[in-house]
Amino acid sequence: MARLTPPQVFTDLTDKRELQVLNDFLRELARQAAVSEGGDLRGALIKGAAPATPVANVLYTDSMVKGWVRFQLTGTIDDDLNVSSVTDNAAGDWTINWAIPFATANYAVVGTARVIAGGVAQFATFVQGADTAPAVGSVRVFVVDGTTDTRGDPDSGVYVVAIGDQ
């Protein structure tokens, strides 16, 4: 298989020709990685923000997951990406501290927690920073019982994902 040479560094991500050249390169890289044993796509990203209407099948750095964590009720981390610690503040209330902070506090956070009610697995409502706004280095998250609208610990772990600029 022929070795691919990456295109030059692009600086104008609004130029459709530059995006098309880079998109073609990434597609070929992905094809080669899929057929070669142990291949991967590390480093094959477009640096910078996606345009208002992103190009199909293009990976932008600002749309990638920058942090995720699965943790237990005590704040013990089971597994993570970019999380330095989790603080158990109270029942159904935790602070997630990012190892590498976000560029601004305007990042998206989603999550869920599993609750067993009457022997049936359900998923609890998850609220980001209802009492406090997210900070670049941390976010406070809550698990809320959807029937009673009160905070509480789920029966098992909490799962959180964050996306935004770093």
C-alpha atoms as a PDB file:
ATOM      1  CA  MET A   1       0.000   0.000   0.000  1.00  0.00           C
ATOM      2  CA  ALA A   2       1.386   3.408  -0.985  1.00  0.00           C
ATOM      3  CA  ARG A   3       2.242   5.792   1.811  1.00  0.00           C
ATOM      4  CA  LEU A   4      -0.021   8.842   1.891  1.00  0.00           C
ATOM      5  CA  THR A   5       1.476  12.298   2.037  1.00  0.00           C
ATOM      6  CA  PRO A   6      -0.678  14.692   4.038  1.00  0.00           C
ATOM      7  CA  PRO A   7      -1.776  17.857   2.261  1.00  0.00           C
ATOM      8  CA  GLN A   8      -0.315  21.186   3.304  1.00  0.00           C
ATOM      9  CA  VAL A   9      -1.549  22.903   6.444  1.00  0.00           C
ATOM     10  CA  PHE A  10      -4.727  24.781   5.685  1.00  0.00           C
ATOM     11  CA  THR A  11      -5.543  28.075   7.290  1.00  0.00           C
ATOM     12  CA  ASP A  12      -8.854  28.997   5.630  1.00  0.00           C
ATOM     13  CA  LEU A  13     -11.474  26.452   6.607  1.00  0.00           C
ATOM     14  CA  THR A  14     -14.096  28.432   4.699  1.00  0.00           C
ATOM     15  CA  ASP A  15     -12.324  27.680   1.394  1.00  0.00           C
ATOM     16  CA  LYS A  16     -14.272  24.784  -0.119  1.00  0.00           C
ATOM     17  CA  ARG A  17     -11.321  23.681  -2.255  1.00  0.00           C
ATOM     18  CA  GLU A  18      -9.079  23.292   0.804  1.00  0.00           C
ATOM     19  CA  LEU A  19     -11.808  21.403   2.630  1.00  0.00           C
ATOM     20  CA  GLN A  20     -12.366  19.094  -0.331  1.00  0.00           C
ATOM     21  CA  VAL A  21      -8.642  18.277  -0.623  1.00  0.00           C
ATOM     22  CA  LEU A  22      -8.459  17.540   3.090  1.00  0.00           C
ATOM     23  CA  ASN A  23     -11.717  15.571   3.014  1.00  0.00           C
ATOM     24  CA  ASP A  24     -10.383  13.409   0.146  1.00  0.00           C
ATOM     25  CA  PHE A  25      -7.158  12.809   2.085  1.00  0.00           C
ATOM     26  CA  LEU A  26      -9.049  11.791   5.246  1.00  0.00           C
ATOM     27  CA  ARG A  27     -11.298   9.417   3.298  1.00  0.00           C
ATOM     28  CA  GLU A  28      -8.304   7.688   1.742  1.00  0.00           C
ATOM     29  CA  LEU A  29      -6.542   7.551   5.103  1.00  0.00           C
ATOM     30  CA  ALA A  30      -9.644   5.992   6.670  1.00  0.00           C
ATOM     31  CA  ARG A  31      -9.878   3.469   3.836  1.00  0.00           C
ATOM     32  CA  GLN A  32      -6.236   2.480   4.255  1.00  0.00           C
ATOM     33  CA  ALA A  33      -6.547   2.283   8.030  1.00  0.00           C
ATOM     34  CA  ALA A  34      -9.563   0.016   7.695  1.00  0.00           C
ATOM     35  CA  VAL A  35      -7.702  -2.469   5.507  1.00  0.00           C
ATOM     36  CA  SER A  36      -4.362  -2.407   7.288  1.00  0.00           C
ATOM     37  CA  GLU A  37      -3.946  -4.255  10.534  1.00  0.00           C
ATOM     38  CA  GLY A  38      -3.462  -1.925  13.459  1.00  0.00           C
ATOM     39  CA  GLY A  39      -4.027   1.244  11.416  1.00  0.00           C
ATOM     40  CA  ASP A  40      -5.565   4.277  13.039  1.00  0.00           C
ATOM     41  CA  LEU A  41      -6.483   7.878  12.300  1.00  0.00           C
ATOM     42  CA  ARG A  42      -4.545   9.716  15.020  1.00  0.00           C
ATOM     43  CA  GLY A  43      -3.521  13.149  13.808  1.00  0.00           C
ATOM     44  CA  ALA A  44      -5.963  13.125  10.881  1.00  0.00           C
ATOM     45  CA  LEU A  45      -8.089  16.061  12.023  1.00  0.00           C
ATOM     46  CA  ILE A  46      -9.053  19.470  10.807  1.00  0.00           C
ATOM     47  CA  LYS A  47      -7.800  21.958  13.361  1.00  0.00           C
ATOM     48  CA  GLY A  48     -10.269  24.681  14.187  1.00  0.00           C
ATOM     49  CA  ALA A  49     -13.965  25.305  14.257  1.00  0.00           C
ATOM     50  CA  ALA A  50     -16.452  23.686  11.954  1.00  0.00           C
ATOM     51  CA  PRO A  51     -18.223  26.111   9.633  1.00  0.00           C
ATOM     52  CA  ALA A  52     -21.883  26.960  10.342  1.00  0.00           C
ATOM     53  CA  THR A  53     -22.825  24.193   7.922  1.00  0.00           C
ATOM     54  CA  PRO A  54     -20.134  21.504   8.397  1.00  0.00           C
ATOM     55  CA  VAL A  55     -18.924  19.520   5.418  1.00  0.00           C
ATOM     56  CA  ALA A  56     -20.290  15.966   5.424  1.00  0.00           C
ATOM     57  CA  ASN A  57     -17.922  13.232   6.612  1.00  0.00           C
ATOM     58  CA  VAL A  58     -15.310  15.662   7.947  1.00  0.00           C
ATOM     59  CA  LEU A  59     -13.993  15.507  11.511  1.00  0.00           C
ATOM     60  CA  TYR A  60     -13.451  18.884  13.202  1.00  0.00           C
ATOM     61  CA  THR A  61     -11.565  19.238  16.478  1.00  0.00           C
ATOM     62  CA  ASP A  62     -14.300  21.334  18.089  1.00  0.00           C
ATOM     63  CA  SER A  63     -16.905  18.613  17.536  1.00  0.00           C
ATOM     64  CA  MET A  64     -14.954  15.831  19.214  1.00  0.00           C
ATOM     65  CA  VAL A  65     -15.565  14.528  22.712  1.00  0.00           C
ATOM     66  CA  LYS A  66     -13.018  16.274  24.949  1.00  0.00           C
ATOM     67  CA  GLY A  67     -13.919  14.562  28.192  1.00  0.00           C
ATOM     68  CA  TRP A  68     -15.972  11.663  29.483  1.00  0.00           C
ATOM     69  CA  VAL A  69     -16.231   9.780  32.714  1.00  0.00           C
ATOM     70  CA  ARG A  70     -17.976   6.855  34.315  1.00  0.00           C
ATOM     71  CA  PHE A  71     -17.901   7.160  38.088  1.00  0.00           C
ATOM     72  CA  GLN A  72     -19.429   5.637  41.186  1.00  0.00           C
ATOM     73  CA  LEU A  73     -21.617   7.472  43.675  1.00  0.00           C
ATOM     74  CA  THR A  74     -18.620   8.205  45.934  1.00  0.00           C
ATOM     75  CA  GLY A  75     -16.811   9.949  43.075  1.00  0.00           C
ATOM     76  CA  THR A  76     -14.520   6.993  42.400  1.00  0.00           C
ATOM     77  CA  ILE A  77     -13.665   7.032  38.699  1.00  0.00           C
ATOM     78  CA  ASP A  78     -14.159   3.741  36.825  1.00  0.00           C
ATOM     79  CA  ASP A  79     -12.817   5.066  33.526  1.00  0.00           C
ATOM     80  CA  ASP A  80     -12.376   8.446  31.888  1.00  0.00           C
ATOM     81  CA  LEU A  81     -10.835  10.743  29.337  1.00  0.00           C
ATOM     82  CA  ASN A  82      -9.521  14.123  30.538  1.00  0.00           C
ATOM     83  CA  VAL A  83     -10.940  13.933  34.066  1.00  0.00           C
ATOM     84  CA  SER A  84      -8.617  14.631  36.990  1.00  0.00           C
ATOM     85  CA  SER A  85     -11.150  13.936  39.746  1.00  0.00           C
ATOM     86  CA  VAL A  86     -14.811  13.766  40.712  1.00  0.00           C
ATOM     87  CA  THR A  87     -16.024  15.301  43.965  1.00  0.00           C
ATOM     88  CA  ASP A  88     -19.115  13.912  45.715  1.00  0.00           C
ATOM     89  CA  ASN A  89     -20.861  17.072  47.008  1.00  0.00           C
ATOM     90  CA  ALA A  90     -24.099  15.514  48.306  1.00  0.00           C
ATOM     91  CA  ALA A  91     -26.756  13.012  47.260  1.00  0.00           C
ATOM     92  CA  GLY A  92     -27.133  13.242  43.484  1.00  0.00           C
ATOM     93  CA  ASP A  93     -24.599  16.098  43.252  1.00  0.00           C
ATOM     94  CA  TRP A  94     -21.025  15.857  41.900  1.00  0.00           C
ATOM     95  CA  THR A  95     -18.323  18.154  40.528  1.00  0.00           C
ATOM     96  CA  ILE A  96     -16.253  16.849  37.614  1.00  0.00           C
ATOM     97  CA  ASN A  97     -12.782  18.408  37.366  1.00  0.00           C
ATOM     98  CA  TRP A  98     -11.160  18.443  33.915  1.00  0.00           C
ATOM     99  CA  ALA A  99      -7.463  17.566  33.571  1.00  0.00           C
ATOM    100  CA  ILE A 100      -7.194  19.939  30.596  1.00  0.00           C
ATOM    101  CA  PRO A 101      -9.650  22.817  30.967  1.00  0.00           C
ATOM    102  CA  PHE A 102     -12.018  23.942  28.234  1.00  0.00           C
ATOM    103  CA  ALA A 103     -11.294  27.197  26.383  1.00  0.00           C
ATOM    104  CA  THR A 104     -14.562  28.743  27.594  1.00  0.00           C
ATOM    105  CA  ALA A 105     -17.409  27.700  29.857  1.00  0.00           C
ATOM    106  CA  ASN A 106     -19.629  27.322  26.772  1.00  0.00           C
ATOM    107  CA  TYR A 107     -19.221  23.580  26.312  1.00  0.00           C
ATOM    108  CA  ALA A 108     -21.947  20.960  26.152  1.00  0.00           C
ATOM    109  CA  VAL A 109     -22.363  18.314  28.842  1.00  0.00           C
ATOM    110  CA  VAL A 110     -24.676  15.315  28.666  1.00  0.00           C
ATOM    111  CA  GLY A 111     -25.067  12.377  30.967  1.00  0.00           C
ATOM    112  CA  THR A 112     -27.210   9.707  32.452  1.00  0.00           C
ATOM    113  CA  ALA A 113     -27.443   7.461  35.477  1.00  0.00           C
ATOM    114  CA  ARG A 114     -29.077   4.079  35.846  1.00  0.00           C
ATOM    115  CA  VAL A 115     -31.772   3.571  38.450  1.00  0.00           C
ATOM    116  CA  ILE A 116     -33.439   0.279  39.350  1.00  0.00           C
ATOM    117  CA  ALA A 117     -37.073   0.845  40.270  1.00  0.00           C
ATOM    118  CA  GLY A 118     -39.236  -2.163  41.036  1.00  0.00           C
ATOM    119  CA  GLY A 119     -36.691  -4.463  39.403  1.00  0.00           C
ATOM    120  CA  VAL A 120     -36.821  -2.531  36.107  1.00  0.00           C
ATOM    121  CA  ALA A 121     -33.791  -0.573  34.876  1.00  0.00           C
ATOM    122  CA  GLN A 122     -34.625   3.066  34.152  1.00  0.00           C
ATOM    123  CA  PHE A 123     -32.516   6.119  33.407  1.00  0.00           C
ATOM    124  CA  ALA A 124     -32.627   9.155  35.667  1.00  0.00           C
ATOM    125  CA  THR A 125     -32.904  12.756  34.551  1.00  0.00           C
ATOM    126  CA  PHE A 126     -29.507  14.455  34.351  1.00  0.00           C
ATOM    127  CA  VAL A 127     -29.069  18.187  34.889  1.00  0.00           C
ATOM    128  CA  GLN A 128     -25.906  20.177  34.193  1.00  0.00           C
ATOM    129  CA  GLY A 129     -25.086  23.051  36.517  1.00  0.00           C
ATOM    130  CA  ALA A 130     -28.637  23.852  37.577  1.00  0.00           C
ATOM    131  CA  ASP A 131     -27.324  25.783  40.597  1.00  0.00           C
ATOM    132  CA  THR A 132     -23.935  26.849  39.240  1.00  0.00           C
ATOM    133  CA  ALA A 133     -22.734  27.620  35.729  1.00  0.00           C
ATOM    134  CA  PRO A 134     -19.996  25.389  34.314  1.00  0.00           C
ATOM    135  CA  ALA A 135     -16.437  26.654  34.656  1.00  0.00           C
ATOM    136  CA  VAL A 136     -13.581  26.031  32.220  1.00  0.00           C
ATOM    137  CA  GLY A 137     -11.965  23.604  34.685  1.00  0.00           C
ATOM    138  CA  SER A 138     -15.021  21.871  36.125  1.00  0.00           C
ATOM    139  CA  VAL A 139     -18.732  21.258  35.867  1.00  0.00           C
ATOM    140  CA  ARG A 140     -21.269  20.416  38.531  1.00  0.00           C
ATOM    141  CA  VAL A 141     -23.823  17.743  37.632  1.00  0.00           C
ATOM    142  CA  PHE A 142     -26.972  16.487  39.313  1.00  0.00           C
ATOM    143  CA  VAL A 143     -29.124  13.372  39.059  1.00  0.00           C
ATOM    144  CA  VAL A 144     -32.788  14.190  39.584  1.00  0.00           C
ATOM    145  CA  ASP A 145     -35.621  11.721  40.152  1.00  0.00           C
ATOM    146  CA  GLY A 146     -38.062  12.376  37.310  1.00  0.00           C
ATOM    147  CA  THR A 147     -41.117  11.459  39.384  1.00  0.00           C
ATOM    148  CA  THR A 148     -40.368  13.441  42.552  1.00  0.00           C
ATOM    149  CA  ASP A 149     -38.157  16.164  41.015  1.00  0.00           C
ATOM    150  CA  THR A 150     -35.616  15.730  43.821  1.00  0.00           C
ATOM    151  CA  ARG A 151     -31.884  15.061  43.717  1.00  0.00           C
ATOM    152  CA  GLY A 152     -30.758  11.625  44.680  1.00  0.00           C
ATOM    153  CA  ASP A 153     -28.147   8.966  44.140  1.00  0.00           C
ATOM    154  CA  PRO A 154     -28.855   6.428  41.420  1.00  0.00           C
ATOM    155  CA  ASP A 155     -28.419   2.721  42.113  1.00  0.00           C
ATOM    156  CA  SER A 156     -25.240   2.529  40.053  1.00  0.00           C
ATOM    157  CA  GLY A 157     -22.726   4.734  38.264  1.00  0.00           C
ATOM    158  CA  VAL A 158     -23.059   8.076  36.550  1.00  0.00           C
ATOM    159  CA  TYR A 159     -21.971   8.617  32.932  1.00  0.00           C
ATOM    160  CA  VAL A 160     -20.988  12.075  31.605  1.00  0.00           C
ATOM    161  CA  VAL A 161     -19.664  13.340  28.235  1.00  0.00           C
ATOM    162  CA  ALA A 162     -18.430  16.871  27.392  1.00  0.00           C
ATOM    163  CA  ILE A 163     -17.856  18.480  23.987  1.00  0.00           C
ATOM    164  CA  GLY A 164     -16.394  21.933  23.317  1.00  0.00           C
ATOM    165  CA  ASP A 165     -13.282  23.958  22.535  1.00  0.00           C
ATOM    166  CA  GLN A 166     -10.098  23.362  24.532  1.00  0.00           C
END
